[in-house]
Amino acid sequence: MPDFWSDRPDAEIALRLTRSIPVATYVCKTAPRAMALRFVFLSGPWQQLTGLPPDALKNDPLLVFRHIHPHDYRAWLRSSLRAMARRQPLHWEGRLRLADGIRWFSVECTPAALPDGSLAWEGVLIDITARRQMEEQLRAGERRWQQALDNIPTPILYARLIDRLDTFFVNRQFVASFGYTLDDIQTSKGWLRRAYPDRDYRARVRVQWQKLIRRIAAAPGSIEQLETRVRCANGRGLDILAFAAVVENRLLISFVDISERKRMEARNHHLARHDRLTGLPNRMRFDERLEAVLSQAARREERRLALLFIDLDRFKQINDIYGHRVGDLLLGAVGGRLRSLVRERDVPARLGGDELAVLIEQAGGTEQIMRVAWRILRSLGKPYMIENMRLSISASIGVALCPEHGADAATLMQRADSAMYVAKTEGGSRVVLWEPEAAVDGSR
């Protein structure tokens, strides 16, 4: 039996050529305004690939379609009818149930109009069983890999490294931690838009991610990290540390929640710069702020500052009479009252013991500053209720101005302290403005 068949005798040369091609070629014809078809050409490998003799297909063109796997038949019918109705090329991949088992095939055919109004469908049939088996093995391996990632108690995101990240897997812990499913973040745009809702912050993070990916691509095997703050699906903010690496040309990102660590760092930073009893900035924080404000003032000559040095009068007697616990509670109450007396931009502080200070930024005229100082003095002198006891305490305040009395921190502190000492020696409960040679009592 010949290994080819054709109803065109002049096709013998073409048929000989097809013998060396590992695909089956064919031509079908459909009559004008009809969907029925018949085969007019089949290449040699056809029977070898499908086990269907050419004569059988010549007599029964639909024979091959009856071998289509039931799970693939609907897709085949839909694709073929659409292609025939629209006279468009057809592409289909599916299974045939043959005598030696189930095999995968790819069908490609293109319509060509004939003079009599009919269509010739010229196509190829390619056995892709080996390819599909390999793809299934890869998918099975990937499924095992994903199952392993799914059991890791760390959020994991897996993406393809293309022009834009194409996320194709997130593990269960990722969903549990952030609340986003794979459908929410299939592209990097989706992830960035949801995790970083603030536009400016999102733009900065996008640049950081792009740099990170370029570094990884340039150094295979390296692990890069990025620290950001993300918003979860429920609106909660998390500080995360992302570790990214390339695994088989794919981007694997693991996330570590460092929110608690960041809170501890912020708390320790606050404690290192704030007084435990009053909650006010301590000497370290006050000195940092004073230096920064003076540096700004030096660049803007019109800026004026005032430094108030405050010492509580006879505070030692409170400790001696009522004990240090009551003294500490009183200091806390004094600090809270002092904080309420100044503007948000001003800096009240506890320098140590019973010494306090206030840095007044963008201060007005001298008279205005002195009125502020006297208002603070009078307010601090009002009674406090401490453990059901009515306690009163007064204060002495020294005032130094910048730039009149000095332009550096050490000079201003020394002169405000000197003015406070004068107020103290004159009986306390007063405000004194520093002046050369002698400090003078400010007007009430």
Protein backbone atom coordinates (compact mmCIF):
# COMPACT_ATOMS: atom_id res chain seq x y z
CA MET A 1 0.00 0.00 0.00
CA PRO A 2 1.44 3.42 -0.90
CA ASP A 3 2.31 5.62 2.07
CA PHE A 4 0.40 8.53 0.58
CA TRP A 5 -2.82 9.18 -1.25
CA SER A 6 -4.03 12.07 -3.41
CA ASP A 7 -6.74 12.62 -5.98
CA ARG A 8 -4.27 14.84 -7.91
CA PRO A 9 -1.81 12.84 -10.06
CA ASP A 10 0.48 15.85 -10.47
CA ALA A 11 1.21 15.90 -6.70
CA GLU A 12 3.74 13.03 -6.77
CA ILE A 13 6.80 15.28 -6.47
CA ALA A 14 5.37 17.06 -3.43
CA LEU A 15 4.42 13.74 -1.89
CA ARG A 16 7.94 12.40 -2.15
CA LEU A 17 9.17 15.46 -0.27
CA THR A 18 6.78 14.88 2.62
CA ARG A 19 8.20 11.41 3.31
CA SER A 20 11.20 12.95 5.13
CA ILE A 21 9.16 15.43 7.18
CA PRO A 22 8.19 14.22 10.71
CA VAL A 23 4.72 15.76 10.44
CA ALA A 24 1.60 14.78 8.53
CA THR A 25 0.32 17.25 5.97
CA TYR A 26 -3.16 17.34 4.51
CA VAL A 27 -5.58 19.30 2.39
CA CYS A 28 -9.34 19.33 2.97
CA LYS A 29 -11.94 20.94 0.78
CA THR A 30 -15.29 22.38 1.78
CA ALA A 31 -17.95 23.00 -0.84
CA PRO A 32 -19.32 26.53 -1.42
CA ARG A 33 -21.76 27.55 1.34
CA ALA A 34 -21.34 24.17 3.01
CA MET A 35 -19.58 22.99 6.16
CA ALA A 36 -19.03 19.37 4.95
CA LEU A 37 -15.45 18.56 4.01
CA ARG A 38 -13.47 15.88 2.24
CA PHE A 39 -9.76 15.07 2.21
CA VAL A 40 -8.01 15.61 -1.11
CA PHE A 41 -4.47 15.08 0.13
CA LEU A 42 -2.77 13.17 2.97
CA SER A 43 0.98 12.83 3.44
CA GLY A 44 2.83 9.59 4.15
CA PRO A 45 3.37 9.91 7.95
CA TRP A 46 -0.38 10.30 8.52
CA GLN A 47 -1.06 6.59 9.03
CA GLN A 48 2.18 6.18 11.00
CA LEU A 49 1.15 8.97 13.39
CA THR A 50 -2.56 8.26 13.75
CA GLY A 51 -2.97 4.63 12.73
CA LEU A 52 -5.80 5.70 10.40
CA PRO A 53 -5.39 4.50 6.78
CA PRO A 54 -5.75 7.20 4.10
CA ASP A 55 -8.38 5.11 2.26
CA ALA A 56 -10.53 5.04 5.38
CA LEU A 57 -10.36 8.82 5.67
CA LYS A 58 -11.12 9.20 1.98
CA ASN A 59 -14.33 7.26 2.43
CA ASP A 60 -15.17 8.71 5.85
CA PRO A 61 -13.68 12.21 6.40
CA LEU A 62 -15.20 12.43 9.89
CA LEU A 63 -13.40 9.30 11.10
CA VAL A 64 -10.51 11.23 12.60
CA PHE A 65 -12.87 13.52 14.49
CA ARG A 66 -14.53 10.57 16.18
CA HIS A 67 -11.16 9.72 17.71
CA ILE A 68 -10.88 13.09 19.49
CA HIS A 69 -10.81 12.70 23.25
CA PRO A 70 -14.18 13.58 24.82
CA HIS A 71 -12.55 16.18 27.09
CA ASP A 72 -11.13 17.99 24.06
CA TYR A 73 -13.96 17.54 21.55
CA ARG A 74 -15.94 20.63 22.52
CA ALA A 75 -12.90 22.87 22.20
CA TRP A 76 -12.10 21.32 18.80
CA LEU A 77 -15.66 21.79 17.54
CA ARG A 78 -15.82 25.38 18.71
CA SER A 79 -12.44 26.27 17.15
CA SER A 80 -13.08 24.53 13.83
CA LEU A 81 -16.60 25.93 13.34
CA ARG A 82 -15.39 29.44 14.13
CA ALA A 83 -12.47 29.12 11.71
CA MET A 84 -14.70 27.79 8.92
CA ALA A 85 -17.36 30.43 9.45
CA ARG A 86 -14.83 33.24 9.49
CA ARG A 87 -12.44 31.68 6.99
CA GLN A 88 -9.59 32.16 9.44
CA PRO A 89 -6.56 29.98 10.22
CA LEU A 90 -7.13 27.24 12.79
CA HIS A 91 -4.86 26.26 15.66
CA TRP A 92 -5.80 23.50 18.07
CA GLU A 93 -4.04 21.17 20.47
CA GLY A 94 -5.75 18.10 21.82
CA ARG A 95 -5.76 14.35 22.28
CA LEU A 96 -6.73 11.49 19.96
CA ARG A 97 -7.73 8.10 21.32
CA LEU A 98 -5.88 5.65 19.06
CA ALA A 99 -5.26 1.92 19.00
CA ASP A 100 -1.91 2.28 20.79
CA GLY A 101 -3.24 4.71 23.41
CA ILE A 102 -3.86 8.42 23.81
CA ARG A 103 -1.60 10.79 21.91
CA TRP A 104 -1.38 14.58 21.80
CA PHE A 105 -1.48 16.43 18.46
CA SER A 106 -1.20 19.97 17.25
CA VAL A 107 -3.30 21.00 14.25
CA GLU A 108 -2.45 24.04 12.14
CA CYS A 109 -4.34 24.82 8.95
CA THR A 110 -4.99 27.83 6.73
CA PRO A 111 -7.91 28.41 4.33
CA ALA A 112 -7.34 29.19 0.66
CA ALA A 113 -10.14 30.22 -1.70
CA LEU A 114 -10.50 28.17 -4.89
CA PRO A 115 -11.91 29.43 -8.22
CA ASP A 116 -15.11 27.41 -7.82
CA GLY A 117 -15.92 29.18 -4.54
CA SER A 118 -14.89 26.29 -2.33
CA LEU A 119 -12.19 26.42 0.34
CA ALA A 120 -9.04 24.36 0.57
CA TRP A 121 -7.77 23.89 4.10
CA GLU A 122 -4.03 23.27 3.98
CA GLY A 123 -2.64 22.04 7.23
CA VAL A 124 -0.21 19.98 9.26
CA LEU A 125 -0.70 17.44 12.02
CA ILE A 126 2.16 17.24 14.54
CA ASP A 127 2.56 14.63 17.25
CA ILE A 128 3.35 16.63 20.41
CA THR A 129 2.92 13.77 22.90
CA ALA A 130 6.56 13.91 24.04
CA ARG A 131 6.38 17.66 24.49
CA ARG A 132 3.16 17.51 26.50
CA GLN A 133 4.54 14.69 28.66
CA MET A 134 7.62 16.78 29.39
CA GLU A 135 5.45 19.80 30.17
CA GLU A 136 3.37 17.69 32.53
CA GLN A 137 6.52 16.44 34.24
CA LEU A 138 7.66 20.03 34.65
CA ARG A 139 4.26 21.03 35.99
CA ALA A 140 4.30 18.08 38.37
CA GLY A 141 7.75 19.12 39.58
CA GLU A 142 6.55 22.67 39.95
CA ARG A 143 3.49 21.52 41.88
CA ARG A 144 5.75 19.60 44.28
CA TRP A 145 7.94 22.69 44.59
CA GLN A 146 4.88 24.85 45.31
CA GLN A 147 3.56 22.34 47.84
CA ALA A 148 6.89 22.59 49.65
CA LEU A 149 6.69 26.40 49.59
CA ASP A 150 3.09 26.24 50.77
CA ASN A 151 4.19 24.51 53.97
CA ILE A 152 6.83 27.10 54.83
CA PRO A 153 5.64 29.47 57.60
CA THR A 154 7.12 32.45 55.74
CA PRO A 155 5.27 34.52 53.10
CA ILE A 156 6.57 33.54 49.63
CA LEU A 157 5.93 35.10 46.22
CA TYR A 158 7.10 33.45 42.99
CA ALA A 159 7.20 35.45 39.75
CA ARG A 160 8.46 35.20 36.20
CA LEU A 161 11.34 37.49 35.31
CA ILE A 162 9.98 39.29 32.27
CA ASP A 163 9.67 42.97 31.34
CA ARG A 164 7.13 43.27 34.12
CA LEU A 165 6.87 40.81 36.95
CA ASP A 166 4.24 38.16 36.35
CA THR A 167 3.29 36.54 39.67
CA PHE A 168 2.16 32.94 39.31
CA PHE A 169 2.35 31.64 42.89
CA VAL A 170 1.92 32.87 46.44
CA ASN A 171 1.94 30.47 49.36
CA ARG A 172 -0.66 30.15 52.09
CA GLN A 173 1.38 32.18 54.56
CA PHE A 174 1.55 35.07 52.09
CA VAL A 175 -2.25 35.16 51.89
CA ALA A 176 -2.54 34.82 55.68
CA SER A 177 -0.03 37.62 56.33
CA PHE A 178 -1.07 40.18 53.71
CA GLY A 179 -4.61 39.13 52.79
CA TYR A 180 -3.88 39.31 49.04
CA THR A 181 -4.58 36.31 46.81
CA LEU A 182 -2.89 35.47 43.53
CA ASP A 183 -5.76 37.08 41.61
CA ASP A 184 -5.08 40.39 43.38
CA ILE A 185 -1.40 40.66 42.48
CA GLN A 186 -0.78 38.78 39.24
CA THR A 187 1.38 41.69 38.04
CA SER A 188 3.84 43.92 39.82
CA LYS A 189 1.49 46.84 39.14
CA GLY A 190 -1.25 45.11 41.12
CA TRP A 191 1.07 44.44 44.05
CA LEU A 192 2.49 47.96 44.11
CA ARG A 193 -0.93 49.60 43.86
CA ARG A 194 -2.36 47.61 46.77
CA ALA A 195 0.65 47.32 49.05
CA TYR A 196 1.78 50.96 48.61
CA PRO A 197 -1.37 53.11 48.25
CA ASP A 198 0.48 56.41 48.72
CA ARG A 199 1.51 57.54 45.23
CA ASP A 200 4.79 59.21 46.18
CA TYR A 201 5.91 56.31 48.39
CA ARG A 202 4.86 53.83 45.68
CA ALA A 203 7.01 55.66 43.11
CA ARG A 204 10.05 55.46 45.41
CA VAL A 205 9.45 51.79 46.16
CA ARG A 206 9.04 50.98 42.45
CA VAL A 207 12.47 52.46 41.74
CA GLN A 208 13.97 50.46 44.63
CA TRP A 209 12.42 47.20 43.34
CA GLN A 210 13.69 47.86 39.82
CA LYS A 211 17.22 48.43 41.10
CA LEU A 212 17.02 45.29 43.22
CA ILE A 213 15.91 43.13 40.28
CA ARG A 214 18.67 44.53 38.06
CA ARG A 215 21.27 43.70 40.72
CA ILE A 216 19.97 40.14 41.00
CA ALA A 217 19.87 39.67 37.23
CA ALA A 218 23.46 40.91 36.97
CA ALA A 219 24.70 38.57 39.70
CA PRO A 220 22.93 35.18 39.52
CA GLY A 221 22.93 33.38 42.83
CA SER A 222 22.96 36.58 44.87
CA ILE A 223 20.33 37.47 47.44
CA GLU A 224 19.18 41.06 47.73
CA GLN A 225 16.98 42.59 50.40
CA LEU A 226 14.62 45.54 50.61
CA GLU A 227 12.93 47.05 53.66
CA THR A 228 9.55 48.73 53.15
CA ARG A 229 6.23 49.28 54.85
CA VAL A 230 3.25 47.65 53.14
CA ARG A 231 -0.48 47.93 53.59
CA CYS A 232 -2.38 44.68 53.99
CA ALA A 233 -5.78 43.97 52.48
CA ASN A 234 -7.42 44.77 55.85
CA GLY A 235 -5.74 48.20 55.96
CA ARG A 236 -3.15 47.21 58.57
CA GLY A 237 0.41 48.42 57.99
CA LEU A 238 3.36 46.05 58.25
CA ASP A 239 7.09 46.73 58.17
CA ILE A 240 8.62 43.97 56.09
CA LEU A 241 12.06 42.87 54.97
CA ALA A 242 11.93 41.24 51.54
CA PHE A 243 14.67 38.80 50.45
CA ALA A 244 14.81 38.24 46.68
CA ALA A 245 16.77 35.72 44.61
CA VAL A 246 16.61 34.26 41.12
CA VAL A 247 15.78 30.53 41.01
CA GLU A 248 15.85 28.97 37.52
CA ASN A 249 15.24 32.34 35.85
CA ARG A 250 12.35 33.08 38.18
CA LEU A 251 12.14 35.55 41.01
CA LEU A 252 11.60 34.08 44.48
CA ILE A 253 10.76 36.62 47.19
CA SER A 254 10.34 35.81 50.86
CA PHE A 255 9.01 38.32 53.37
CA VAL A 256 9.84 38.74 57.05
CA ASP A 257 7.54 40.78 59.27
CA ILE A 258 9.81 43.17 61.19
CA SER A 259 7.00 45.34 62.59
CA GLU A 260 7.73 44.37 66.18
CA ARG A 261 11.43 44.99 65.71
CA LYS A 262 10.71 48.40 64.19
CA ARG A 263 8.41 49.23 67.10
CA MET A 264 11.13 48.25 69.55
CA GLU A 265 13.68 50.30 67.63
CA ALA A 266 11.36 53.31 67.64
CA ARG A 267 10.64 52.80 71.34
CA ASN A 268 14.34 52.50 72.18
CA HIS A 269 15.10 55.55 70.04
CA HIS A 270 12.38 57.46 71.88
CA LEU A 271 13.58 56.30 75.29
CA ALA A 272 17.15 57.23 74.44
CA ARG A 273 16.04 60.80 73.72
CA HIS A 274 13.20 61.29 76.18
CA ASP A 275 12.97 61.52 79.92
CA ARG A 276 11.32 58.57 81.65
CA LEU A 277 9.51 60.61 84.33
CA THR A 278 8.15 63.53 82.32
CA GLY A 279 8.06 62.15 78.79
CA LEU A 280 9.82 65.33 77.67
CA PRO A 281 12.89 65.31 75.42
CA ASN A 282 16.04 64.70 77.48
CA ARG A 283 19.36 66.54 77.39
CA MET A 284 20.59 64.56 74.36
CA ARG A 285 17.47 65.28 72.28
CA PHE A 286 17.38 68.93 73.39
CA ASP A 287 21.02 69.47 72.41
CA GLU A 288 20.40 67.83 68.99
CA ARG A 289 17.40 70.05 68.34
CA LEU A 290 19.17 73.19 69.58
CA GLU A 291 22.13 72.58 67.26
CA ALA A 292 19.81 71.94 64.30
CA VAL A 293 17.74 75.07 64.92
CA LEU A 294 20.83 77.24 65.38
CA SER A 295 22.24 75.88 62.12
CA GLN A 296 19.04 76.86 60.32
CA ALA A 297 19.04 80.26 61.99
CA ALA A 298 22.60 80.89 60.78
CA ARG A 299 21.42 80.46 57.19
CA ARG A 300 18.43 82.72 57.77
CA GLU A 301 19.60 85.82 59.57
CA GLU A 302 16.06 87.03 60.24
CA ARG A 303 15.21 84.01 62.43
CA ARG A 304 15.10 84.69 66.16
CA LEU A 305 15.23 82.12 68.98
CA ALA A 306 14.76 82.14 72.70
CA LEU A 307 16.15 79.73 75.29
CA LEU A 308 14.44 79.43 78.67
CA PHE A 309 16.38 77.71 81.47
CA ILE A 310 14.02 76.62 84.30
CA ASP A 311 14.90 75.43 87.79
CA LEU A 312 12.24 74.33 90.29
CA ASP A 313 12.54 76.17 93.61
CA ARG A 314 12.94 74.07 96.77
CA PHE A 315 12.23 70.83 95.00
CA LYS A 316 14.62 69.03 97.36
CA GLN A 317 12.25 69.81 100.24
CA ILE A 318 9.43 67.96 98.41
CA ASN A 319 11.63 64.86 98.20
CA ASP A 320 12.73 65.17 101.83
CA ILE A 321 9.19 65.63 103.18
CA TYR A 322 7.10 63.38 100.94
CA GLY A 323 9.67 60.98 99.52
CA HIS A 324 11.12 60.44 96.07
CA ARG A 325 8.03 58.69 94.76
CA VAL A 326 5.93 61.81 95.28
CA GLY A 327 8.79 63.91 93.92
CA ASP A 328 8.86 61.82 90.75
CA LEU A 329 5.08 62.13 90.33
CA LEU A 330 5.35 65.89 90.78
CA LEU A 331 8.07 66.09 88.13
CA GLY A 332 5.82 64.15 85.76
CA ALA A 333 2.96 66.60 86.41
CA VAL A 334 5.28 69.59 85.88
CA GLY A 335 6.48 68.10 82.57
CA GLY A 336 2.93 67.55 81.35
CA ARG A 337 1.94 71.10 82.26
CA LEU A 338 5.03 72.53 80.58
CA ARG A 339 4.29 70.61 77.38
CA SER A 340 0.79 72.07 77.27
CA LEU A 341 2.12 75.64 77.59
CA VAL A 342 4.29 75.74 74.46
CA ARG A 343 3.62 75.49 70.75
CA GLU A 344 4.13 72.25 68.82
CA ARG A 345 7.23 73.61 67.11
CA ASP A 346 8.85 74.58 70.43
CA VAL A 347 10.94 72.08 72.41
CA PRO A 348 10.39 71.63 76.17
CA ALA A 349 12.90 69.33 77.88
CA ARG A 350 14.06 67.97 81.18
CA LEU A 351 17.82 68.44 81.39
CA GLY A 352 18.23 66.49 84.63
CA GLY A 353 17.16 66.64 88.27
CA ASP A 354 14.78 69.59 88.65
CA GLU A 355 16.21 71.52 85.69
CA LEU A 356 13.99 72.09 82.65
CA ALA A 357 14.37 74.10 79.46
CA VAL A 358 12.29 75.40 76.59
CA LEU A 359 13.56 76.25 73.11
CA ILE A 360 11.22 78.74 71.44
CA GLU A 361 11.58 78.81 67.66
CA GLN A 362 10.59 81.79 65.51
CA ALA A 363 10.36 83.89 68.65
CA GLY A 364 8.85 87.38 68.53
CA GLY A 365 10.11 90.53 70.23
CA THR A 366 11.75 90.57 73.64
CA GLU A 367 8.60 91.77 75.42
CA GLN A 368 6.56 88.98 73.87
CA ILE A 369 9.14 86.37 74.89
CA MET A 370 9.18 87.66 78.44
CA ARG A 371 5.37 87.50 78.60
CA VAL A 372 5.55 83.86 77.50
CA ALA A 373 8.17 83.13 80.17
CA TRP A 374 6.05 84.76 82.92
CA ARG A 375 2.97 82.83 81.73
CA ILE A 376 4.96 79.57 82.05
CA LEU A 377 6.17 80.61 85.50
CA ARG A 378 2.68 81.40 86.79
CA SER A 379 1.22 78.17 85.37
CA LEU A 380 3.94 75.97 86.85
CA GLY A 381 3.33 77.65 90.22
CA LYS A 382 -0.33 76.58 90.40
CA PRO A 383 -1.09 73.71 92.84
CA TYR A 384 -0.83 70.03 91.81
CA MET A 385 -2.90 67.13 93.13
CA ILE A 386 -0.46 64.28 93.84
CA GLU A 387 -1.85 61.19 95.59
CA ASN A 388 -4.70 63.22 97.07
CA MET A 389 -2.26 65.88 98.32
CA ARG A 390 -2.30 69.51 97.19
CA LEU A 391 1.30 70.46 96.44
CA SER A 392 2.70 73.75 95.17
CA ILE A 393 6.10 74.62 93.79
CA SER A 394 7.63 77.69 92.18
CA ALA A 395 10.34 78.10 89.56
CA SER A 396 13.16 80.40 88.50
CA ILE A 397 13.57 81.11 84.78
CA GLY A 398 16.54 82.55 82.93
CA VAL A 399 16.15 83.77 79.34
CA ALA A 400 18.77 84.10 76.60
CA LEU A 401 18.07 85.24 73.02
CA CYS A 402 19.62 84.42 69.68
CA PRO A 403 21.32 86.23 68.04
CA GLU A 404 21.50 89.02 70.66
CA HIS A 405 23.06 86.94 73.44
CA GLY A 406 24.88 84.32 71.35
CA ALA A 407 24.73 82.28 68.18
CA ASP A 408 26.04 78.93 69.44
CA ALA A 409 24.52 76.38 71.79
CA ALA A 410 27.17 76.54 74.50
CA THR A 411 26.96 80.33 74.81
CA LEU A 412 23.17 80.42 74.91
CA MET A 413 22.98 77.65 77.50
CA GLN A 414 25.60 79.30 79.69
CA ARG A 415 23.89 82.71 79.57
CA ALA A 416 20.40 81.35 80.16
CA ASP A 417 21.80 79.41 83.13
CA SER A 418 23.46 82.55 84.47
CA ALA A 419 20.19 84.48 84.21
CA MET A 420 18.36 81.66 86.00
CA TYR A 421 20.98 81.76 88.78
CA VAL A 422 20.30 85.47 89.27
CA ALA A 423 16.56 84.74 89.55
CA LYS A 424 17.34 82.05 92.10
CA THR A 425 19.55 84.28 94.25
CA GLU A 426 16.88 86.97 94.25
CA GLY A 427 14.42 84.65 95.94
CA GLY A 428 13.12 82.59 93.04
CA SER A 429 9.69 82.60 91.44
CA ARG A 430 10.80 85.15 88.85
CA VAL A 431 12.01 85.50 85.25
CA VAL A 432 15.37 87.13 84.43
CA LEU A 433 16.64 88.13 80.98
CA TRP A 434 20.41 87.84 80.50
CA GLU A 435 22.30 91.03 79.73
CA PRO A 436 26.02 91.80 79.55
CA GLU A 437 27.69 92.40 82.91
CA ALA A 438 24.48 91.67 84.80
CA ALA A 439 21.27 89.83 84.30
CA VAL A 440 18.15 91.94 84.75
CA ASP A 441 14.79 91.01 86.17
CA GLY A 442 12.16 90.88 83.45
CA SER A 443 9.03 92.90 83.72
CA ARG A 444 5.92 91.20 84.84
